[in-house]
Every structure is written in C-alpha cells, then in structure tokens.
C-alpha cells in the first residue's frame, strides 16, 4: 500500500502545478505526518520536490524534472490512443494527427505488433457527422482555433423552437456532452456565459477582433450545464407501464425507479422546462403518464390532441 501511495503522490504532483499536504492527506486517507514522510521518501528517491509556504503554499516537483516513459504501461498508452482516435473522428485536424504520431512513437515495434495481433477491444467514436461532415468538421476546426487565439466569432443560433438569432461571442472552448458538441463562450448580447450546441450554428464568421481573457475556465462553466439557455428546472413524477422497465431503468437509472405492486414504474426526475423535455415525454407514447406537475400533464394532453388532429 505504501508503494502504491508513493506512486499515486508522484503522479498527482506531476499532473498538477502545486498540491498542499491537506489535499494529499484527504486523497490517500492518511495523516499529515505520513504525507511528510512520503514526500521525504520520494525526494530521496531522486524526484526533486520543492515546498512553498503561505496561503498558496504546498508541494510541487521541480519544473525541469521529466519522468521516463517506462512508468506508463502499454495498456495505458493503448487507452490514450483509443480516446484520441475517438476525438480525431470528429476533429480531423493536423494538430491531433501530430499528437497521435507522438504517442505511437512511444510504443516499440514489438509492442505495436502485439497490439495489432490482439486487435481493438474498445472503440470510442464521437463522430456523428454522417453525410455532410466536412462542413461540421470545418466549424469544429474554426471554433477550436478561435478559442485558442481568443478571436471573436458570430453566427446564427437556432433554438429548439426553431427561432434563429444572431449571436456574437467570445469562444472559450469545445465540449463533447452525451452525443453532441457544444461551444462554451461569453455571449456579448446576453452579457453572460452560454453553451451553444454546434448542430444549431449556421453562418459562422470568425472576426479579426481579439478579446481579453475574462479569467473564467471551461471547468467552471461546466458546472452551469443546463443553465439559462434551457429554462428553469421542473420536478416530474412519471408513471410508466411495466413493459418499459428496461428502457426506463436505462434512461433514469435503477435507483430512481420505484416498482409498484401492479408492476408499473414511478420515476421522479428533474429537467429544464423546454421543448426537449416535452419531446422526451412524448417519445414514450401511451406508455407513460405525467402525475406531477399538473401544468406539464395539461400541456402533454394538448400536444397529444394536436398530433391526433393531424390524422383526422
């Protein structure tokens, strides 16, 4: 356990700029004294650790230090390659090609033959751009470059209700969420940060204007997933027919499904009050009933009547 902890501390220090003793103690569930001894052991093994005092104090490995590739196993490199290939399926740019080449260069000829003989055991593909992929890949590449260079972009953004609106934004980065790409950006028209689904962008234009860094990172914006763009949250109580048990458990999670005596399924869930939520409920057809809230049930009833009227 000590060897595993020492390796874990080393990798943590390599992957972060600076870590304090409290963070390390909490991570590995040991005392501060144990962490201090471990740091001394790592330092004695030839990995130079520097300590800093003050409010921003902590420990970090000297910037000049580089760890040998031998600490990364063939399985580790294979996992990295699998993830990179999946992202490359959508991005398809020279920068990603170069990164793949560098990772492959870390694998010896005999190891490459071993990988080819064993074959792929996992495929991760983010590419849903069947058909007109060239246009969408171009948008991805343009937005990545604009985010990197901090250049303003503008486009027409279409809401789920089909309403198009001109937006001028300061792009921060791209994120793959569930089954789609999203742009994280500061919207000048809204005066706040927003997420934009790339499939709803059209008329993208990259401006020459550069913007200053506002000091907000994508990790911080990620906590706002499903924010004002999607509407206020609604607490739903749904009742499904027994035959949908597998599908319902996959969609909502077994822990959120309450099986009734007659086999029907009660589910509590929270979703933004928008077009997507009603479409999701309607996708279950006559096999679901909205028990709460009443206004959602009424709207589903009206929408169902409107659908039926199309076939009269």
Protein backbone atom coordinates (compact mmCIF):
# COMPACT_ATOMS: atom_id res chain seq x y z
CA UNK A 1 0.00 0.00 0.00
CA UNK A 2 2.87 2.38 0.73
CA UNK A 3 4.41 1.82 -2.71
CA UNK A 4 1.04 2.46 -4.36
CA UNK A 5 0.60 5.62 -2.29
CA UNK A 6 4.08 6.88 -3.17
CA UNK A 7 3.40 6.32 -6.86
CA UNK A 8 0.00 7.98 -6.54
CA UNK A 9 1.51 11.06 -4.84
CA UNK A 10 4.19 11.27 -7.52
CA UNK A 11 1.69 11.12 -10.37
CA UNK A 12 -0.52 13.67 -8.63
CA UNK A 13 2.38 16.09 -8.28
CA UNK A 14 3.35 15.55 -11.91
CA UNK A 15 -0.15 16.31 -13.14
CA UNK A 16 -0.70 19.44 -11.04
CA UNK A 17 1.19 22.66 -10.51
CA UNK A 18 1.08 22.62 -6.71
CA UNK A 19 -0.67 20.49 -4.06
CA UNK A 20 -0.87 21.11 -0.32
CA UNK A 21 -0.47 18.49 2.40
CA UNK A 22 -4.16 18.59 3.34
CA UNK A 23 -5.23 17.69 -0.20
CA UNK A 24 -2.79 14.77 -0.28
CA UNK A 25 -3.87 13.56 3.16
CA UNK A 26 -7.54 13.64 2.17
CA UNK A 27 -6.85 11.91 -1.15
CA UNK A 28 -4.92 8.98 0.33
CA UNK A 29 -6.72 8.93 3.71
CA UNK A 30 -3.60 9.22 5.86
CA UNK A 31 -2.26 11.73 8.38
CA UNK A 32 -0.20 14.80 7.60
CA UNK A 33 2.79 13.16 9.27
CA UNK A 34 2.55 10.20 6.89
CA UNK A 35 2.39 12.56 3.91
CA UNK A 36 5.51 14.40 5.11
CA UNK A 37 7.39 11.08 5.41
CA UNK A 38 6.22 10.01 1.97
CA UNK A 39 7.40 13.28 0.43
CA UNK A 40 10.83 12.80 2.02
CA UNK A 41 10.98 9.27 0.62
CA UNK A 42 10.08 10.44 -2.89
CA UNK A 43 12.67 13.21 -2.67
CA UNK A 44 15.32 10.74 -1.51
CA UNK A 45 14.49 8.50 -4.49
CA UNK A 46 15.68 11.24 -6.85
CA UNK A 47 12.43 13.06 -7.65
CA UNK A 48 13.05 16.67 -6.55
CA UNK A 49 10.13 18.08 -4.55
CA UNK A 50 10.03 21.75 -3.61
CA UNK A 51 7.91 23.15 -0.75
CA UNK A 52 6.30 26.60 -0.61
CA UNK A 53 4.83 28.46 2.37
CA UNK A 54 1.99 30.96 2.61
CA UNK A 55 -1.66 30.94 1.55
CA UNK A 56 -0.76 29.43 -1.82
CA UNK A 57 1.81 27.11 -0.32
CA UNK A 58 2.22 23.42 -0.96
CA UNK A 59 4.45 20.97 -2.76
CA UNK A 60 5.43 20.58 -6.37
CA UNK A 61 8.05 18.79 -8.45
CA UNK A 62 10.78 20.94 -9.94
CA UNK A 63 9.75 22.22 -13.36
CA UNK A 64 12.87 20.85 -15.06
CA UNK A 65 12.14 17.28 -13.95
CA UNK A 66 10.74 14.85 -16.52
CA UNK A 67 9.62 11.30 -15.81
CA UNK A 68 10.63 8.42 -18.07
CA UNK A 69 8.06 6.75 -20.33
CA UNK A 70 8.69 3.40 -18.60
CA UNK A 71 6.26 4.35 -15.84
CA UNK A 72 3.45 4.30 -18.43
CA UNK A 73 2.38 0.78 -19.35
CA UNK A 74 1.41 -0.46 -22.81
CA UNK A 75 -2.20 -0.70 -21.62
CA UNK A 76 -2.04 2.96 -20.55
CA UNK A 77 -0.82 4.04 -23.99
CA UNK A 78 -3.45 1.91 -25.70
CA UNK A 79 -6.19 3.63 -23.67
CA UNK A 80 -4.79 7.05 -24.60
CA UNK A 81 -4.69 6.10 -28.29
CA UNK A 82 -8.27 4.83 -28.16
CA UNK A 83 -9.52 8.10 -26.67
CA UNK A 84 -7.52 10.23 -29.12
CA UNK A 85 -8.77 8.24 -32.12
CA UNK A 86 -12.34 8.78 -30.97
CA UNK A 87 -11.89 12.53 -30.74
CA UNK A 88 -9.96 12.59 -34.02
CA UNK A 89 -13.00 11.07 -35.77
CA UNK A 90 -14.73 14.43 -35.29
CA UNK A 91 -11.87 16.94 -35.27
CA UNK A 92 -9.72 15.54 -38.09
CA UNK A 93 -7.03 18.24 -37.83
CA UNK A 94 -3.26 18.24 -38.25
CA UNK A 95 -2.62 19.05 -34.59
CA UNK A 96 -4.43 15.89 -33.46
CA UNK A 97 -2.63 13.85 -36.14
CA UNK A 98 0.68 15.05 -34.75
CA UNK A 99 -0.31 14.11 -31.21
CA UNK A 100 -1.32 10.61 -32.31
CA UNK A 101 2.03 10.22 -34.06
CA UNK A 102 3.93 11.27 -30.91
CA UNK A 103 2.01 8.80 -28.72
CA UNK A 104 2.58 5.98 -31.22
CA UNK A 105 6.30 6.81 -31.22
CA UNK A 106 6.43 5.85 -27.53
CA UNK A 107 5.42 2.30 -28.45
CA UNK A 108 8.18 -0.05 -29.55
CA UNK A 109 7.95 -2.11 -32.74
CA UNK A 110 7.38 -5.33 -30.81
CA UNK A 111 4.63 -3.68 -28.75
CA UNK A 112 2.98 -2.36 -31.91
CA UNK A 113 2.95 -5.89 -33.33
CA UNK A 114 1.43 -7.10 -30.06
CA UNK A 115 -1.36 -4.53 -30.31
CA UNK A 116 -2.08 -5.43 -33.94
CA UNK A 117 -2.30 -9.14 -33.11
CA UNK A 118 -4.65 -8.61 -30.16
CA UNK A 119 -6.90 -6.20 -32.10
CA UNK A 120 -9.13 -3.45 -30.69
CA UNK A 121 -11.03 -4.25 -27.51
CA UNK A 122 -12.64 -0.83 -27.21
CA UNK A 123 -13.87 1.68 -29.79
CA UNK A 124 -14.70 5.24 -28.73
CA UNK A 125 -16.13 7.25 -31.62
CA UNK A 126 -17.51 10.76 -31.16
CA UNK A 127 -18.26 11.18 -34.85
CA UNK A 128 -21.98 11.56 -35.56
CA UNK A 129 -21.35 13.72 -38.59
CA UNK A 130 -22.56 11.28 -41.23
CA UNK A 131 -23.07 12.72 -44.67
CA UNK A 132 -22.22 16.43 -44.51
CA UNK A 133 -19.29 16.00 -42.16
CA UNK A 134 -16.92 18.34 -44.00
CA UNK A 135 -18.95 21.43 -43.10
CA UNK A 136 -19.27 20.46 -39.43
CA UNK A 137 -15.62 19.49 -39.13
CA UNK A 138 -14.70 22.86 -40.58
CA UNK A 139 -16.83 24.55 -37.90
CA UNK A 140 -15.08 22.50 -35.20
CA UNK A 141 -11.65 23.46 -36.50
CA UNK A 142 -12.57 27.15 -36.81
CA UNK A 143 -14.01 27.30 -33.29
CA UNK A 144 -11.03 25.49 -31.79
CA UNK A 145 -8.66 27.95 -33.43
CA UNK A 146 -10.79 30.94 -32.39
CA UNK A 147 -10.84 29.68 -28.78
CA UNK A 148 -7.08 29.22 -28.82
CA UNK A 149 -6.36 32.62 -30.37
CA UNK A 150 -9.16 34.41 -28.45
CA UNK A 151 -10.82 35.86 -31.51
CA UNK A 152 -14.48 36.92 -31.59
CA UNK A 153 -16.93 34.83 -33.64
CA UNK A 154 -20.54 35.42 -34.70
CA UNK A 155 -23.24 33.10 -36.01
CA UNK A 156 -26.96 32.49 -36.22
CA UNK A 157 -28.16 30.24 -33.40
CA UNK A 158 -31.45 28.37 -33.76
CA UNK A 159 -33.36 27.42 -30.60
CA UNK A 160 -35.28 24.16 -30.13
CA UNK A 161 -38.42 26.12 -31.07
CA UNK A 162 -36.88 26.93 -34.47
CA UNK A 163 -36.20 30.61 -33.76
CA UNK A 164 -32.92 31.91 -35.21
CA UNK A 165 -31.00 34.73 -33.56
CA UNK A 166 -27.70 36.46 -34.31
CA UNK A 167 -25.05 35.95 -31.61
CA UNK A 168 -21.62 37.48 -31.17
CA UNK A 169 -19.50 35.60 -28.66
CA UNK A 170 -16.04 35.19 -27.16
CA UNK A 171 -15.30 31.45 -27.51
CA UNK A 172 -13.60 29.62 -24.65
CA UNK A 173 -13.60 26.02 -25.84
CA UNK A 174 -15.49 22.99 -27.09
CA UNK A 175 -17.01 20.14 -25.09
CA UNK A 176 -18.44 16.77 -26.08
CA UNK A 177 -21.58 16.21 -23.98
CA UNK A 178 -23.52 12.98 -24.26
CA UNK A 179 -23.89 12.77 -28.03
CA UNK A 180 -23.15 16.27 -29.34
CA UNK A 181 -20.52 19.01 -29.48
CA UNK A 182 -21.08 22.26 -27.60
CA UNK A 183 -19.34 25.63 -27.65
CA UNK A 184 -18.62 27.34 -24.33
CA UNK A 185 -18.48 31.11 -24.81
CA UNK A 186 -19.21 34.53 -23.39
CA UNK A 187 -22.25 35.91 -25.22
CA UNK A 188 -21.95 39.67 -25.67
CA UNK A 189 -25.66 40.06 -26.35
CA UNK A 190 -26.65 38.31 -23.12
CA UNK A 191 -23.76 39.69 -21.08
CA UNK A 192 -23.07 36.25 -19.62
CA UNK A 193 -21.62 32.83 -20.42
CA UNK A 194 -23.61 30.37 -22.53
CA UNK A 195 -23.37 26.92 -24.10
CA UNK A 196 -24.25 26.52 -27.79
CA UNK A 197 -24.93 23.23 -29.49
CA UNK A 198 -22.88 23.15 -32.69
CA UNK A 199 -25.57 21.45 -34.74
CA UNK A 200 -27.69 24.62 -34.34
CA UNK A 201 -24.98 27.00 -35.57
CA UNK A 202 -25.08 28.47 -39.06
CA UNK A 203 -23.34 31.29 -40.85
CA UNK A 204 -20.24 31.09 -38.65
CA UNK A 205 -17.91 34.07 -39.07
CA UNK A 206 -14.50 34.44 -37.40
CA UNK A 207 -13.63 38.10 -36.80
CA UNK A 208 -10.22 39.72 -36.63
CA UNK A 209 -11.05 41.26 -33.23
CA UNK A 210 -9.24 39.73 -30.25
CA UNK A 211 -10.72 39.70 -26.75
CA UNK A 212 -9.08 39.74 -23.34
CA UNK A 213 -9.17 36.72 -21.09
CA UNK A 214 -12.01 37.13 -18.57
CA UNK A 215 -10.41 34.66 -16.18
CA UNK A 216 -13.17 32.02 -16.38
CA UNK A 217 -12.19 28.46 -17.29
CA UNK A 218 -14.23 25.77 -19.00
CA UNK A 219 -14.20 23.68 -15.82
CA UNK A 220 -16.06 26.45 -14.02
CA UNK A 221 -18.59 26.84 -16.81
CA UNK A 222 -19.17 23.10 -16.85
CA UNK A 223 -20.94 23.40 -13.51
CA UNK A 224 -23.52 25.57 -15.25
CA UNK A 225 -24.54 22.78 -17.62
CA UNK A 226 -28.18 23.18 -18.50
CA UNK A 227 -28.30 26.84 -17.45
CA UNK A 228 -30.47 29.72 -18.66
CA UNK A 229 -30.34 28.54 -22.26
CA UNK A 230 -32.51 25.57 -21.30
CA UNK A 231 -35.05 27.08 -18.89
CA UNK A 232 -35.93 26.58 -15.21
CA UNK A 233 -35.93 23.06 -13.79
CA UNK A 234 -39.18 21.12 -13.34
CA UNK A 235 -39.66 18.28 -10.85
CA UNK A 236 -41.51 15.48 -12.67
CA UNK A 237 -43.38 12.47 -11.31
CA UNK A 238 -43.93 9.95 -14.10
CA UNK A 239 -45.77 6.63 -14.20
CA UNK A 240 -44.65 4.07 -16.81
CA UNK A 241 -46.18 0.79 -17.89
CA UNK A 242 -44.35 -2.39 -16.73
CA UNK A 243 -43.22 -3.39 -20.24
CA UNK A 244 -40.89 -0.36 -20.38
CA UNK A 245 -38.87 -1.36 -17.33
CA UNK A 246 -35.58 -1.97 -19.17
CA UNK A 247 -35.83 1.26 -21.16
CA UNK A 248 -36.88 3.31 -18.12
CA UNK A 249 -34.04 1.96 -15.96
CA UNK A 250 -31.54 2.74 -18.73
CA UNK A 251 -32.86 6.29 -19.11
CA UNK A 252 -33.33 7.25 -15.43
CA UNK A 253 -31.17 4.77 -13.53
CA UNK A 254 -32.45 1.77 -11.50
CA UNK A 255 -32.09 3.70 -8.22
CA UNK A 256 -34.63 6.28 -9.43
CA UNK A 257 -37.25 3.73 -10.50
CA UNK A 258 -39.86 2.65 -7.94
CA UNK A 259 -41.72 -0.54 -8.93
CA UNK A 260 -45.39 -0.57 -7.86
CA UNK A 261 -47.44 -3.63 -6.83
CA UNK A 262 -49.04 -3.86 -10.28
CA UNK A 263 -45.60 -3.68 -11.95
CA UNK A 264 -45.92 -0.06 -13.08
CA UNK A 265 -42.92 2.20 -12.60
CA UNK A 266 -42.86 5.53 -10.76
CA UNK A 267 -39.99 7.87 -11.56
CA UNK A 268 -39.03 11.23 -10.11
CA UNK A 269 -36.79 13.34 -12.31
CA UNK A 270 -35.77 16.97 -12.79
CA UNK A 271 -35.41 18.52 -16.24
CA UNK A 272 -35.31 22.03 -17.71
CA UNK A 273 -38.76 23.21 -18.79
CA UNK A 274 -38.17 23.35 -22.52
CA UNK A 275 -39.10 21.75 -25.82
CA UNK A 276 -36.71 18.84 -25.28
CA UNK A 277 -38.43 17.76 -22.04
CA UNK A 278 -41.85 17.52 -23.68
CA UNK A 279 -40.36 15.68 -26.64
CA UNK A 280 -38.73 13.21 -24.26
CA UNK A 281 -42.05 12.51 -22.50
CA UNK A 282 -43.93 12.16 -25.80
CA UNK A 283 -41.32 9.68 -27.06
CA UNK A 284 -42.78 7.12 -24.64
CA UNK A 285 -46.19 7.44 -26.32
CA UNK A 286 -49.13 5.91 -24.42
CA UNK A 287 -46.79 4.05 -22.04
CA UNK A 288 -46.22 7.00 -19.71
CA UNK A 289 -48.45 9.31 -17.70
CA UNK A 290 -47.41 12.58 -16.08
CA UNK A 291 -48.63 12.59 -12.49
CA UNK A 292 -46.95 15.84 -11.48
CA UNK A 293 -46.92 18.76 -12.09
CA UNK A 294 -50.39 19.41 -13.46
CA UNK A 295 -49.31 22.08 -15.96
CA UNK A 296 -46.92 19.63 -17.66
CA UNK A 297 -49.66 16.99 -17.84
CA UNK A 298 -52.04 19.54 -19.38
CA UNK A 299 -49.50 20.57 -21.99
CA UNK A 300 -48.76 16.95 -22.92
CA UNK A 301 -52.52 16.40 -23.29
CA UNK A 302 -52.83 19.40 -25.62
CA UNK A 303 -49.84 18.34 -27.66
CA UNK A 304 -51.25 14.83 -27.98
CA UNK A 305 -54.57 16.25 -29.19
CA UNK A 306 -52.75 18.39 -31.76
CA UNK A 307 -50.88 15.34 -33.03
CA UNK A 308 -54.10 13.34 -33.30
CA UNK A 309 -55.79 16.17 -35.22
CA UNK A 310 -53.19 15.81 -37.97
CA UNK A 311 -54.57 12.37 -38.81
CA UNK A 312 -58.29 13.19 -38.74
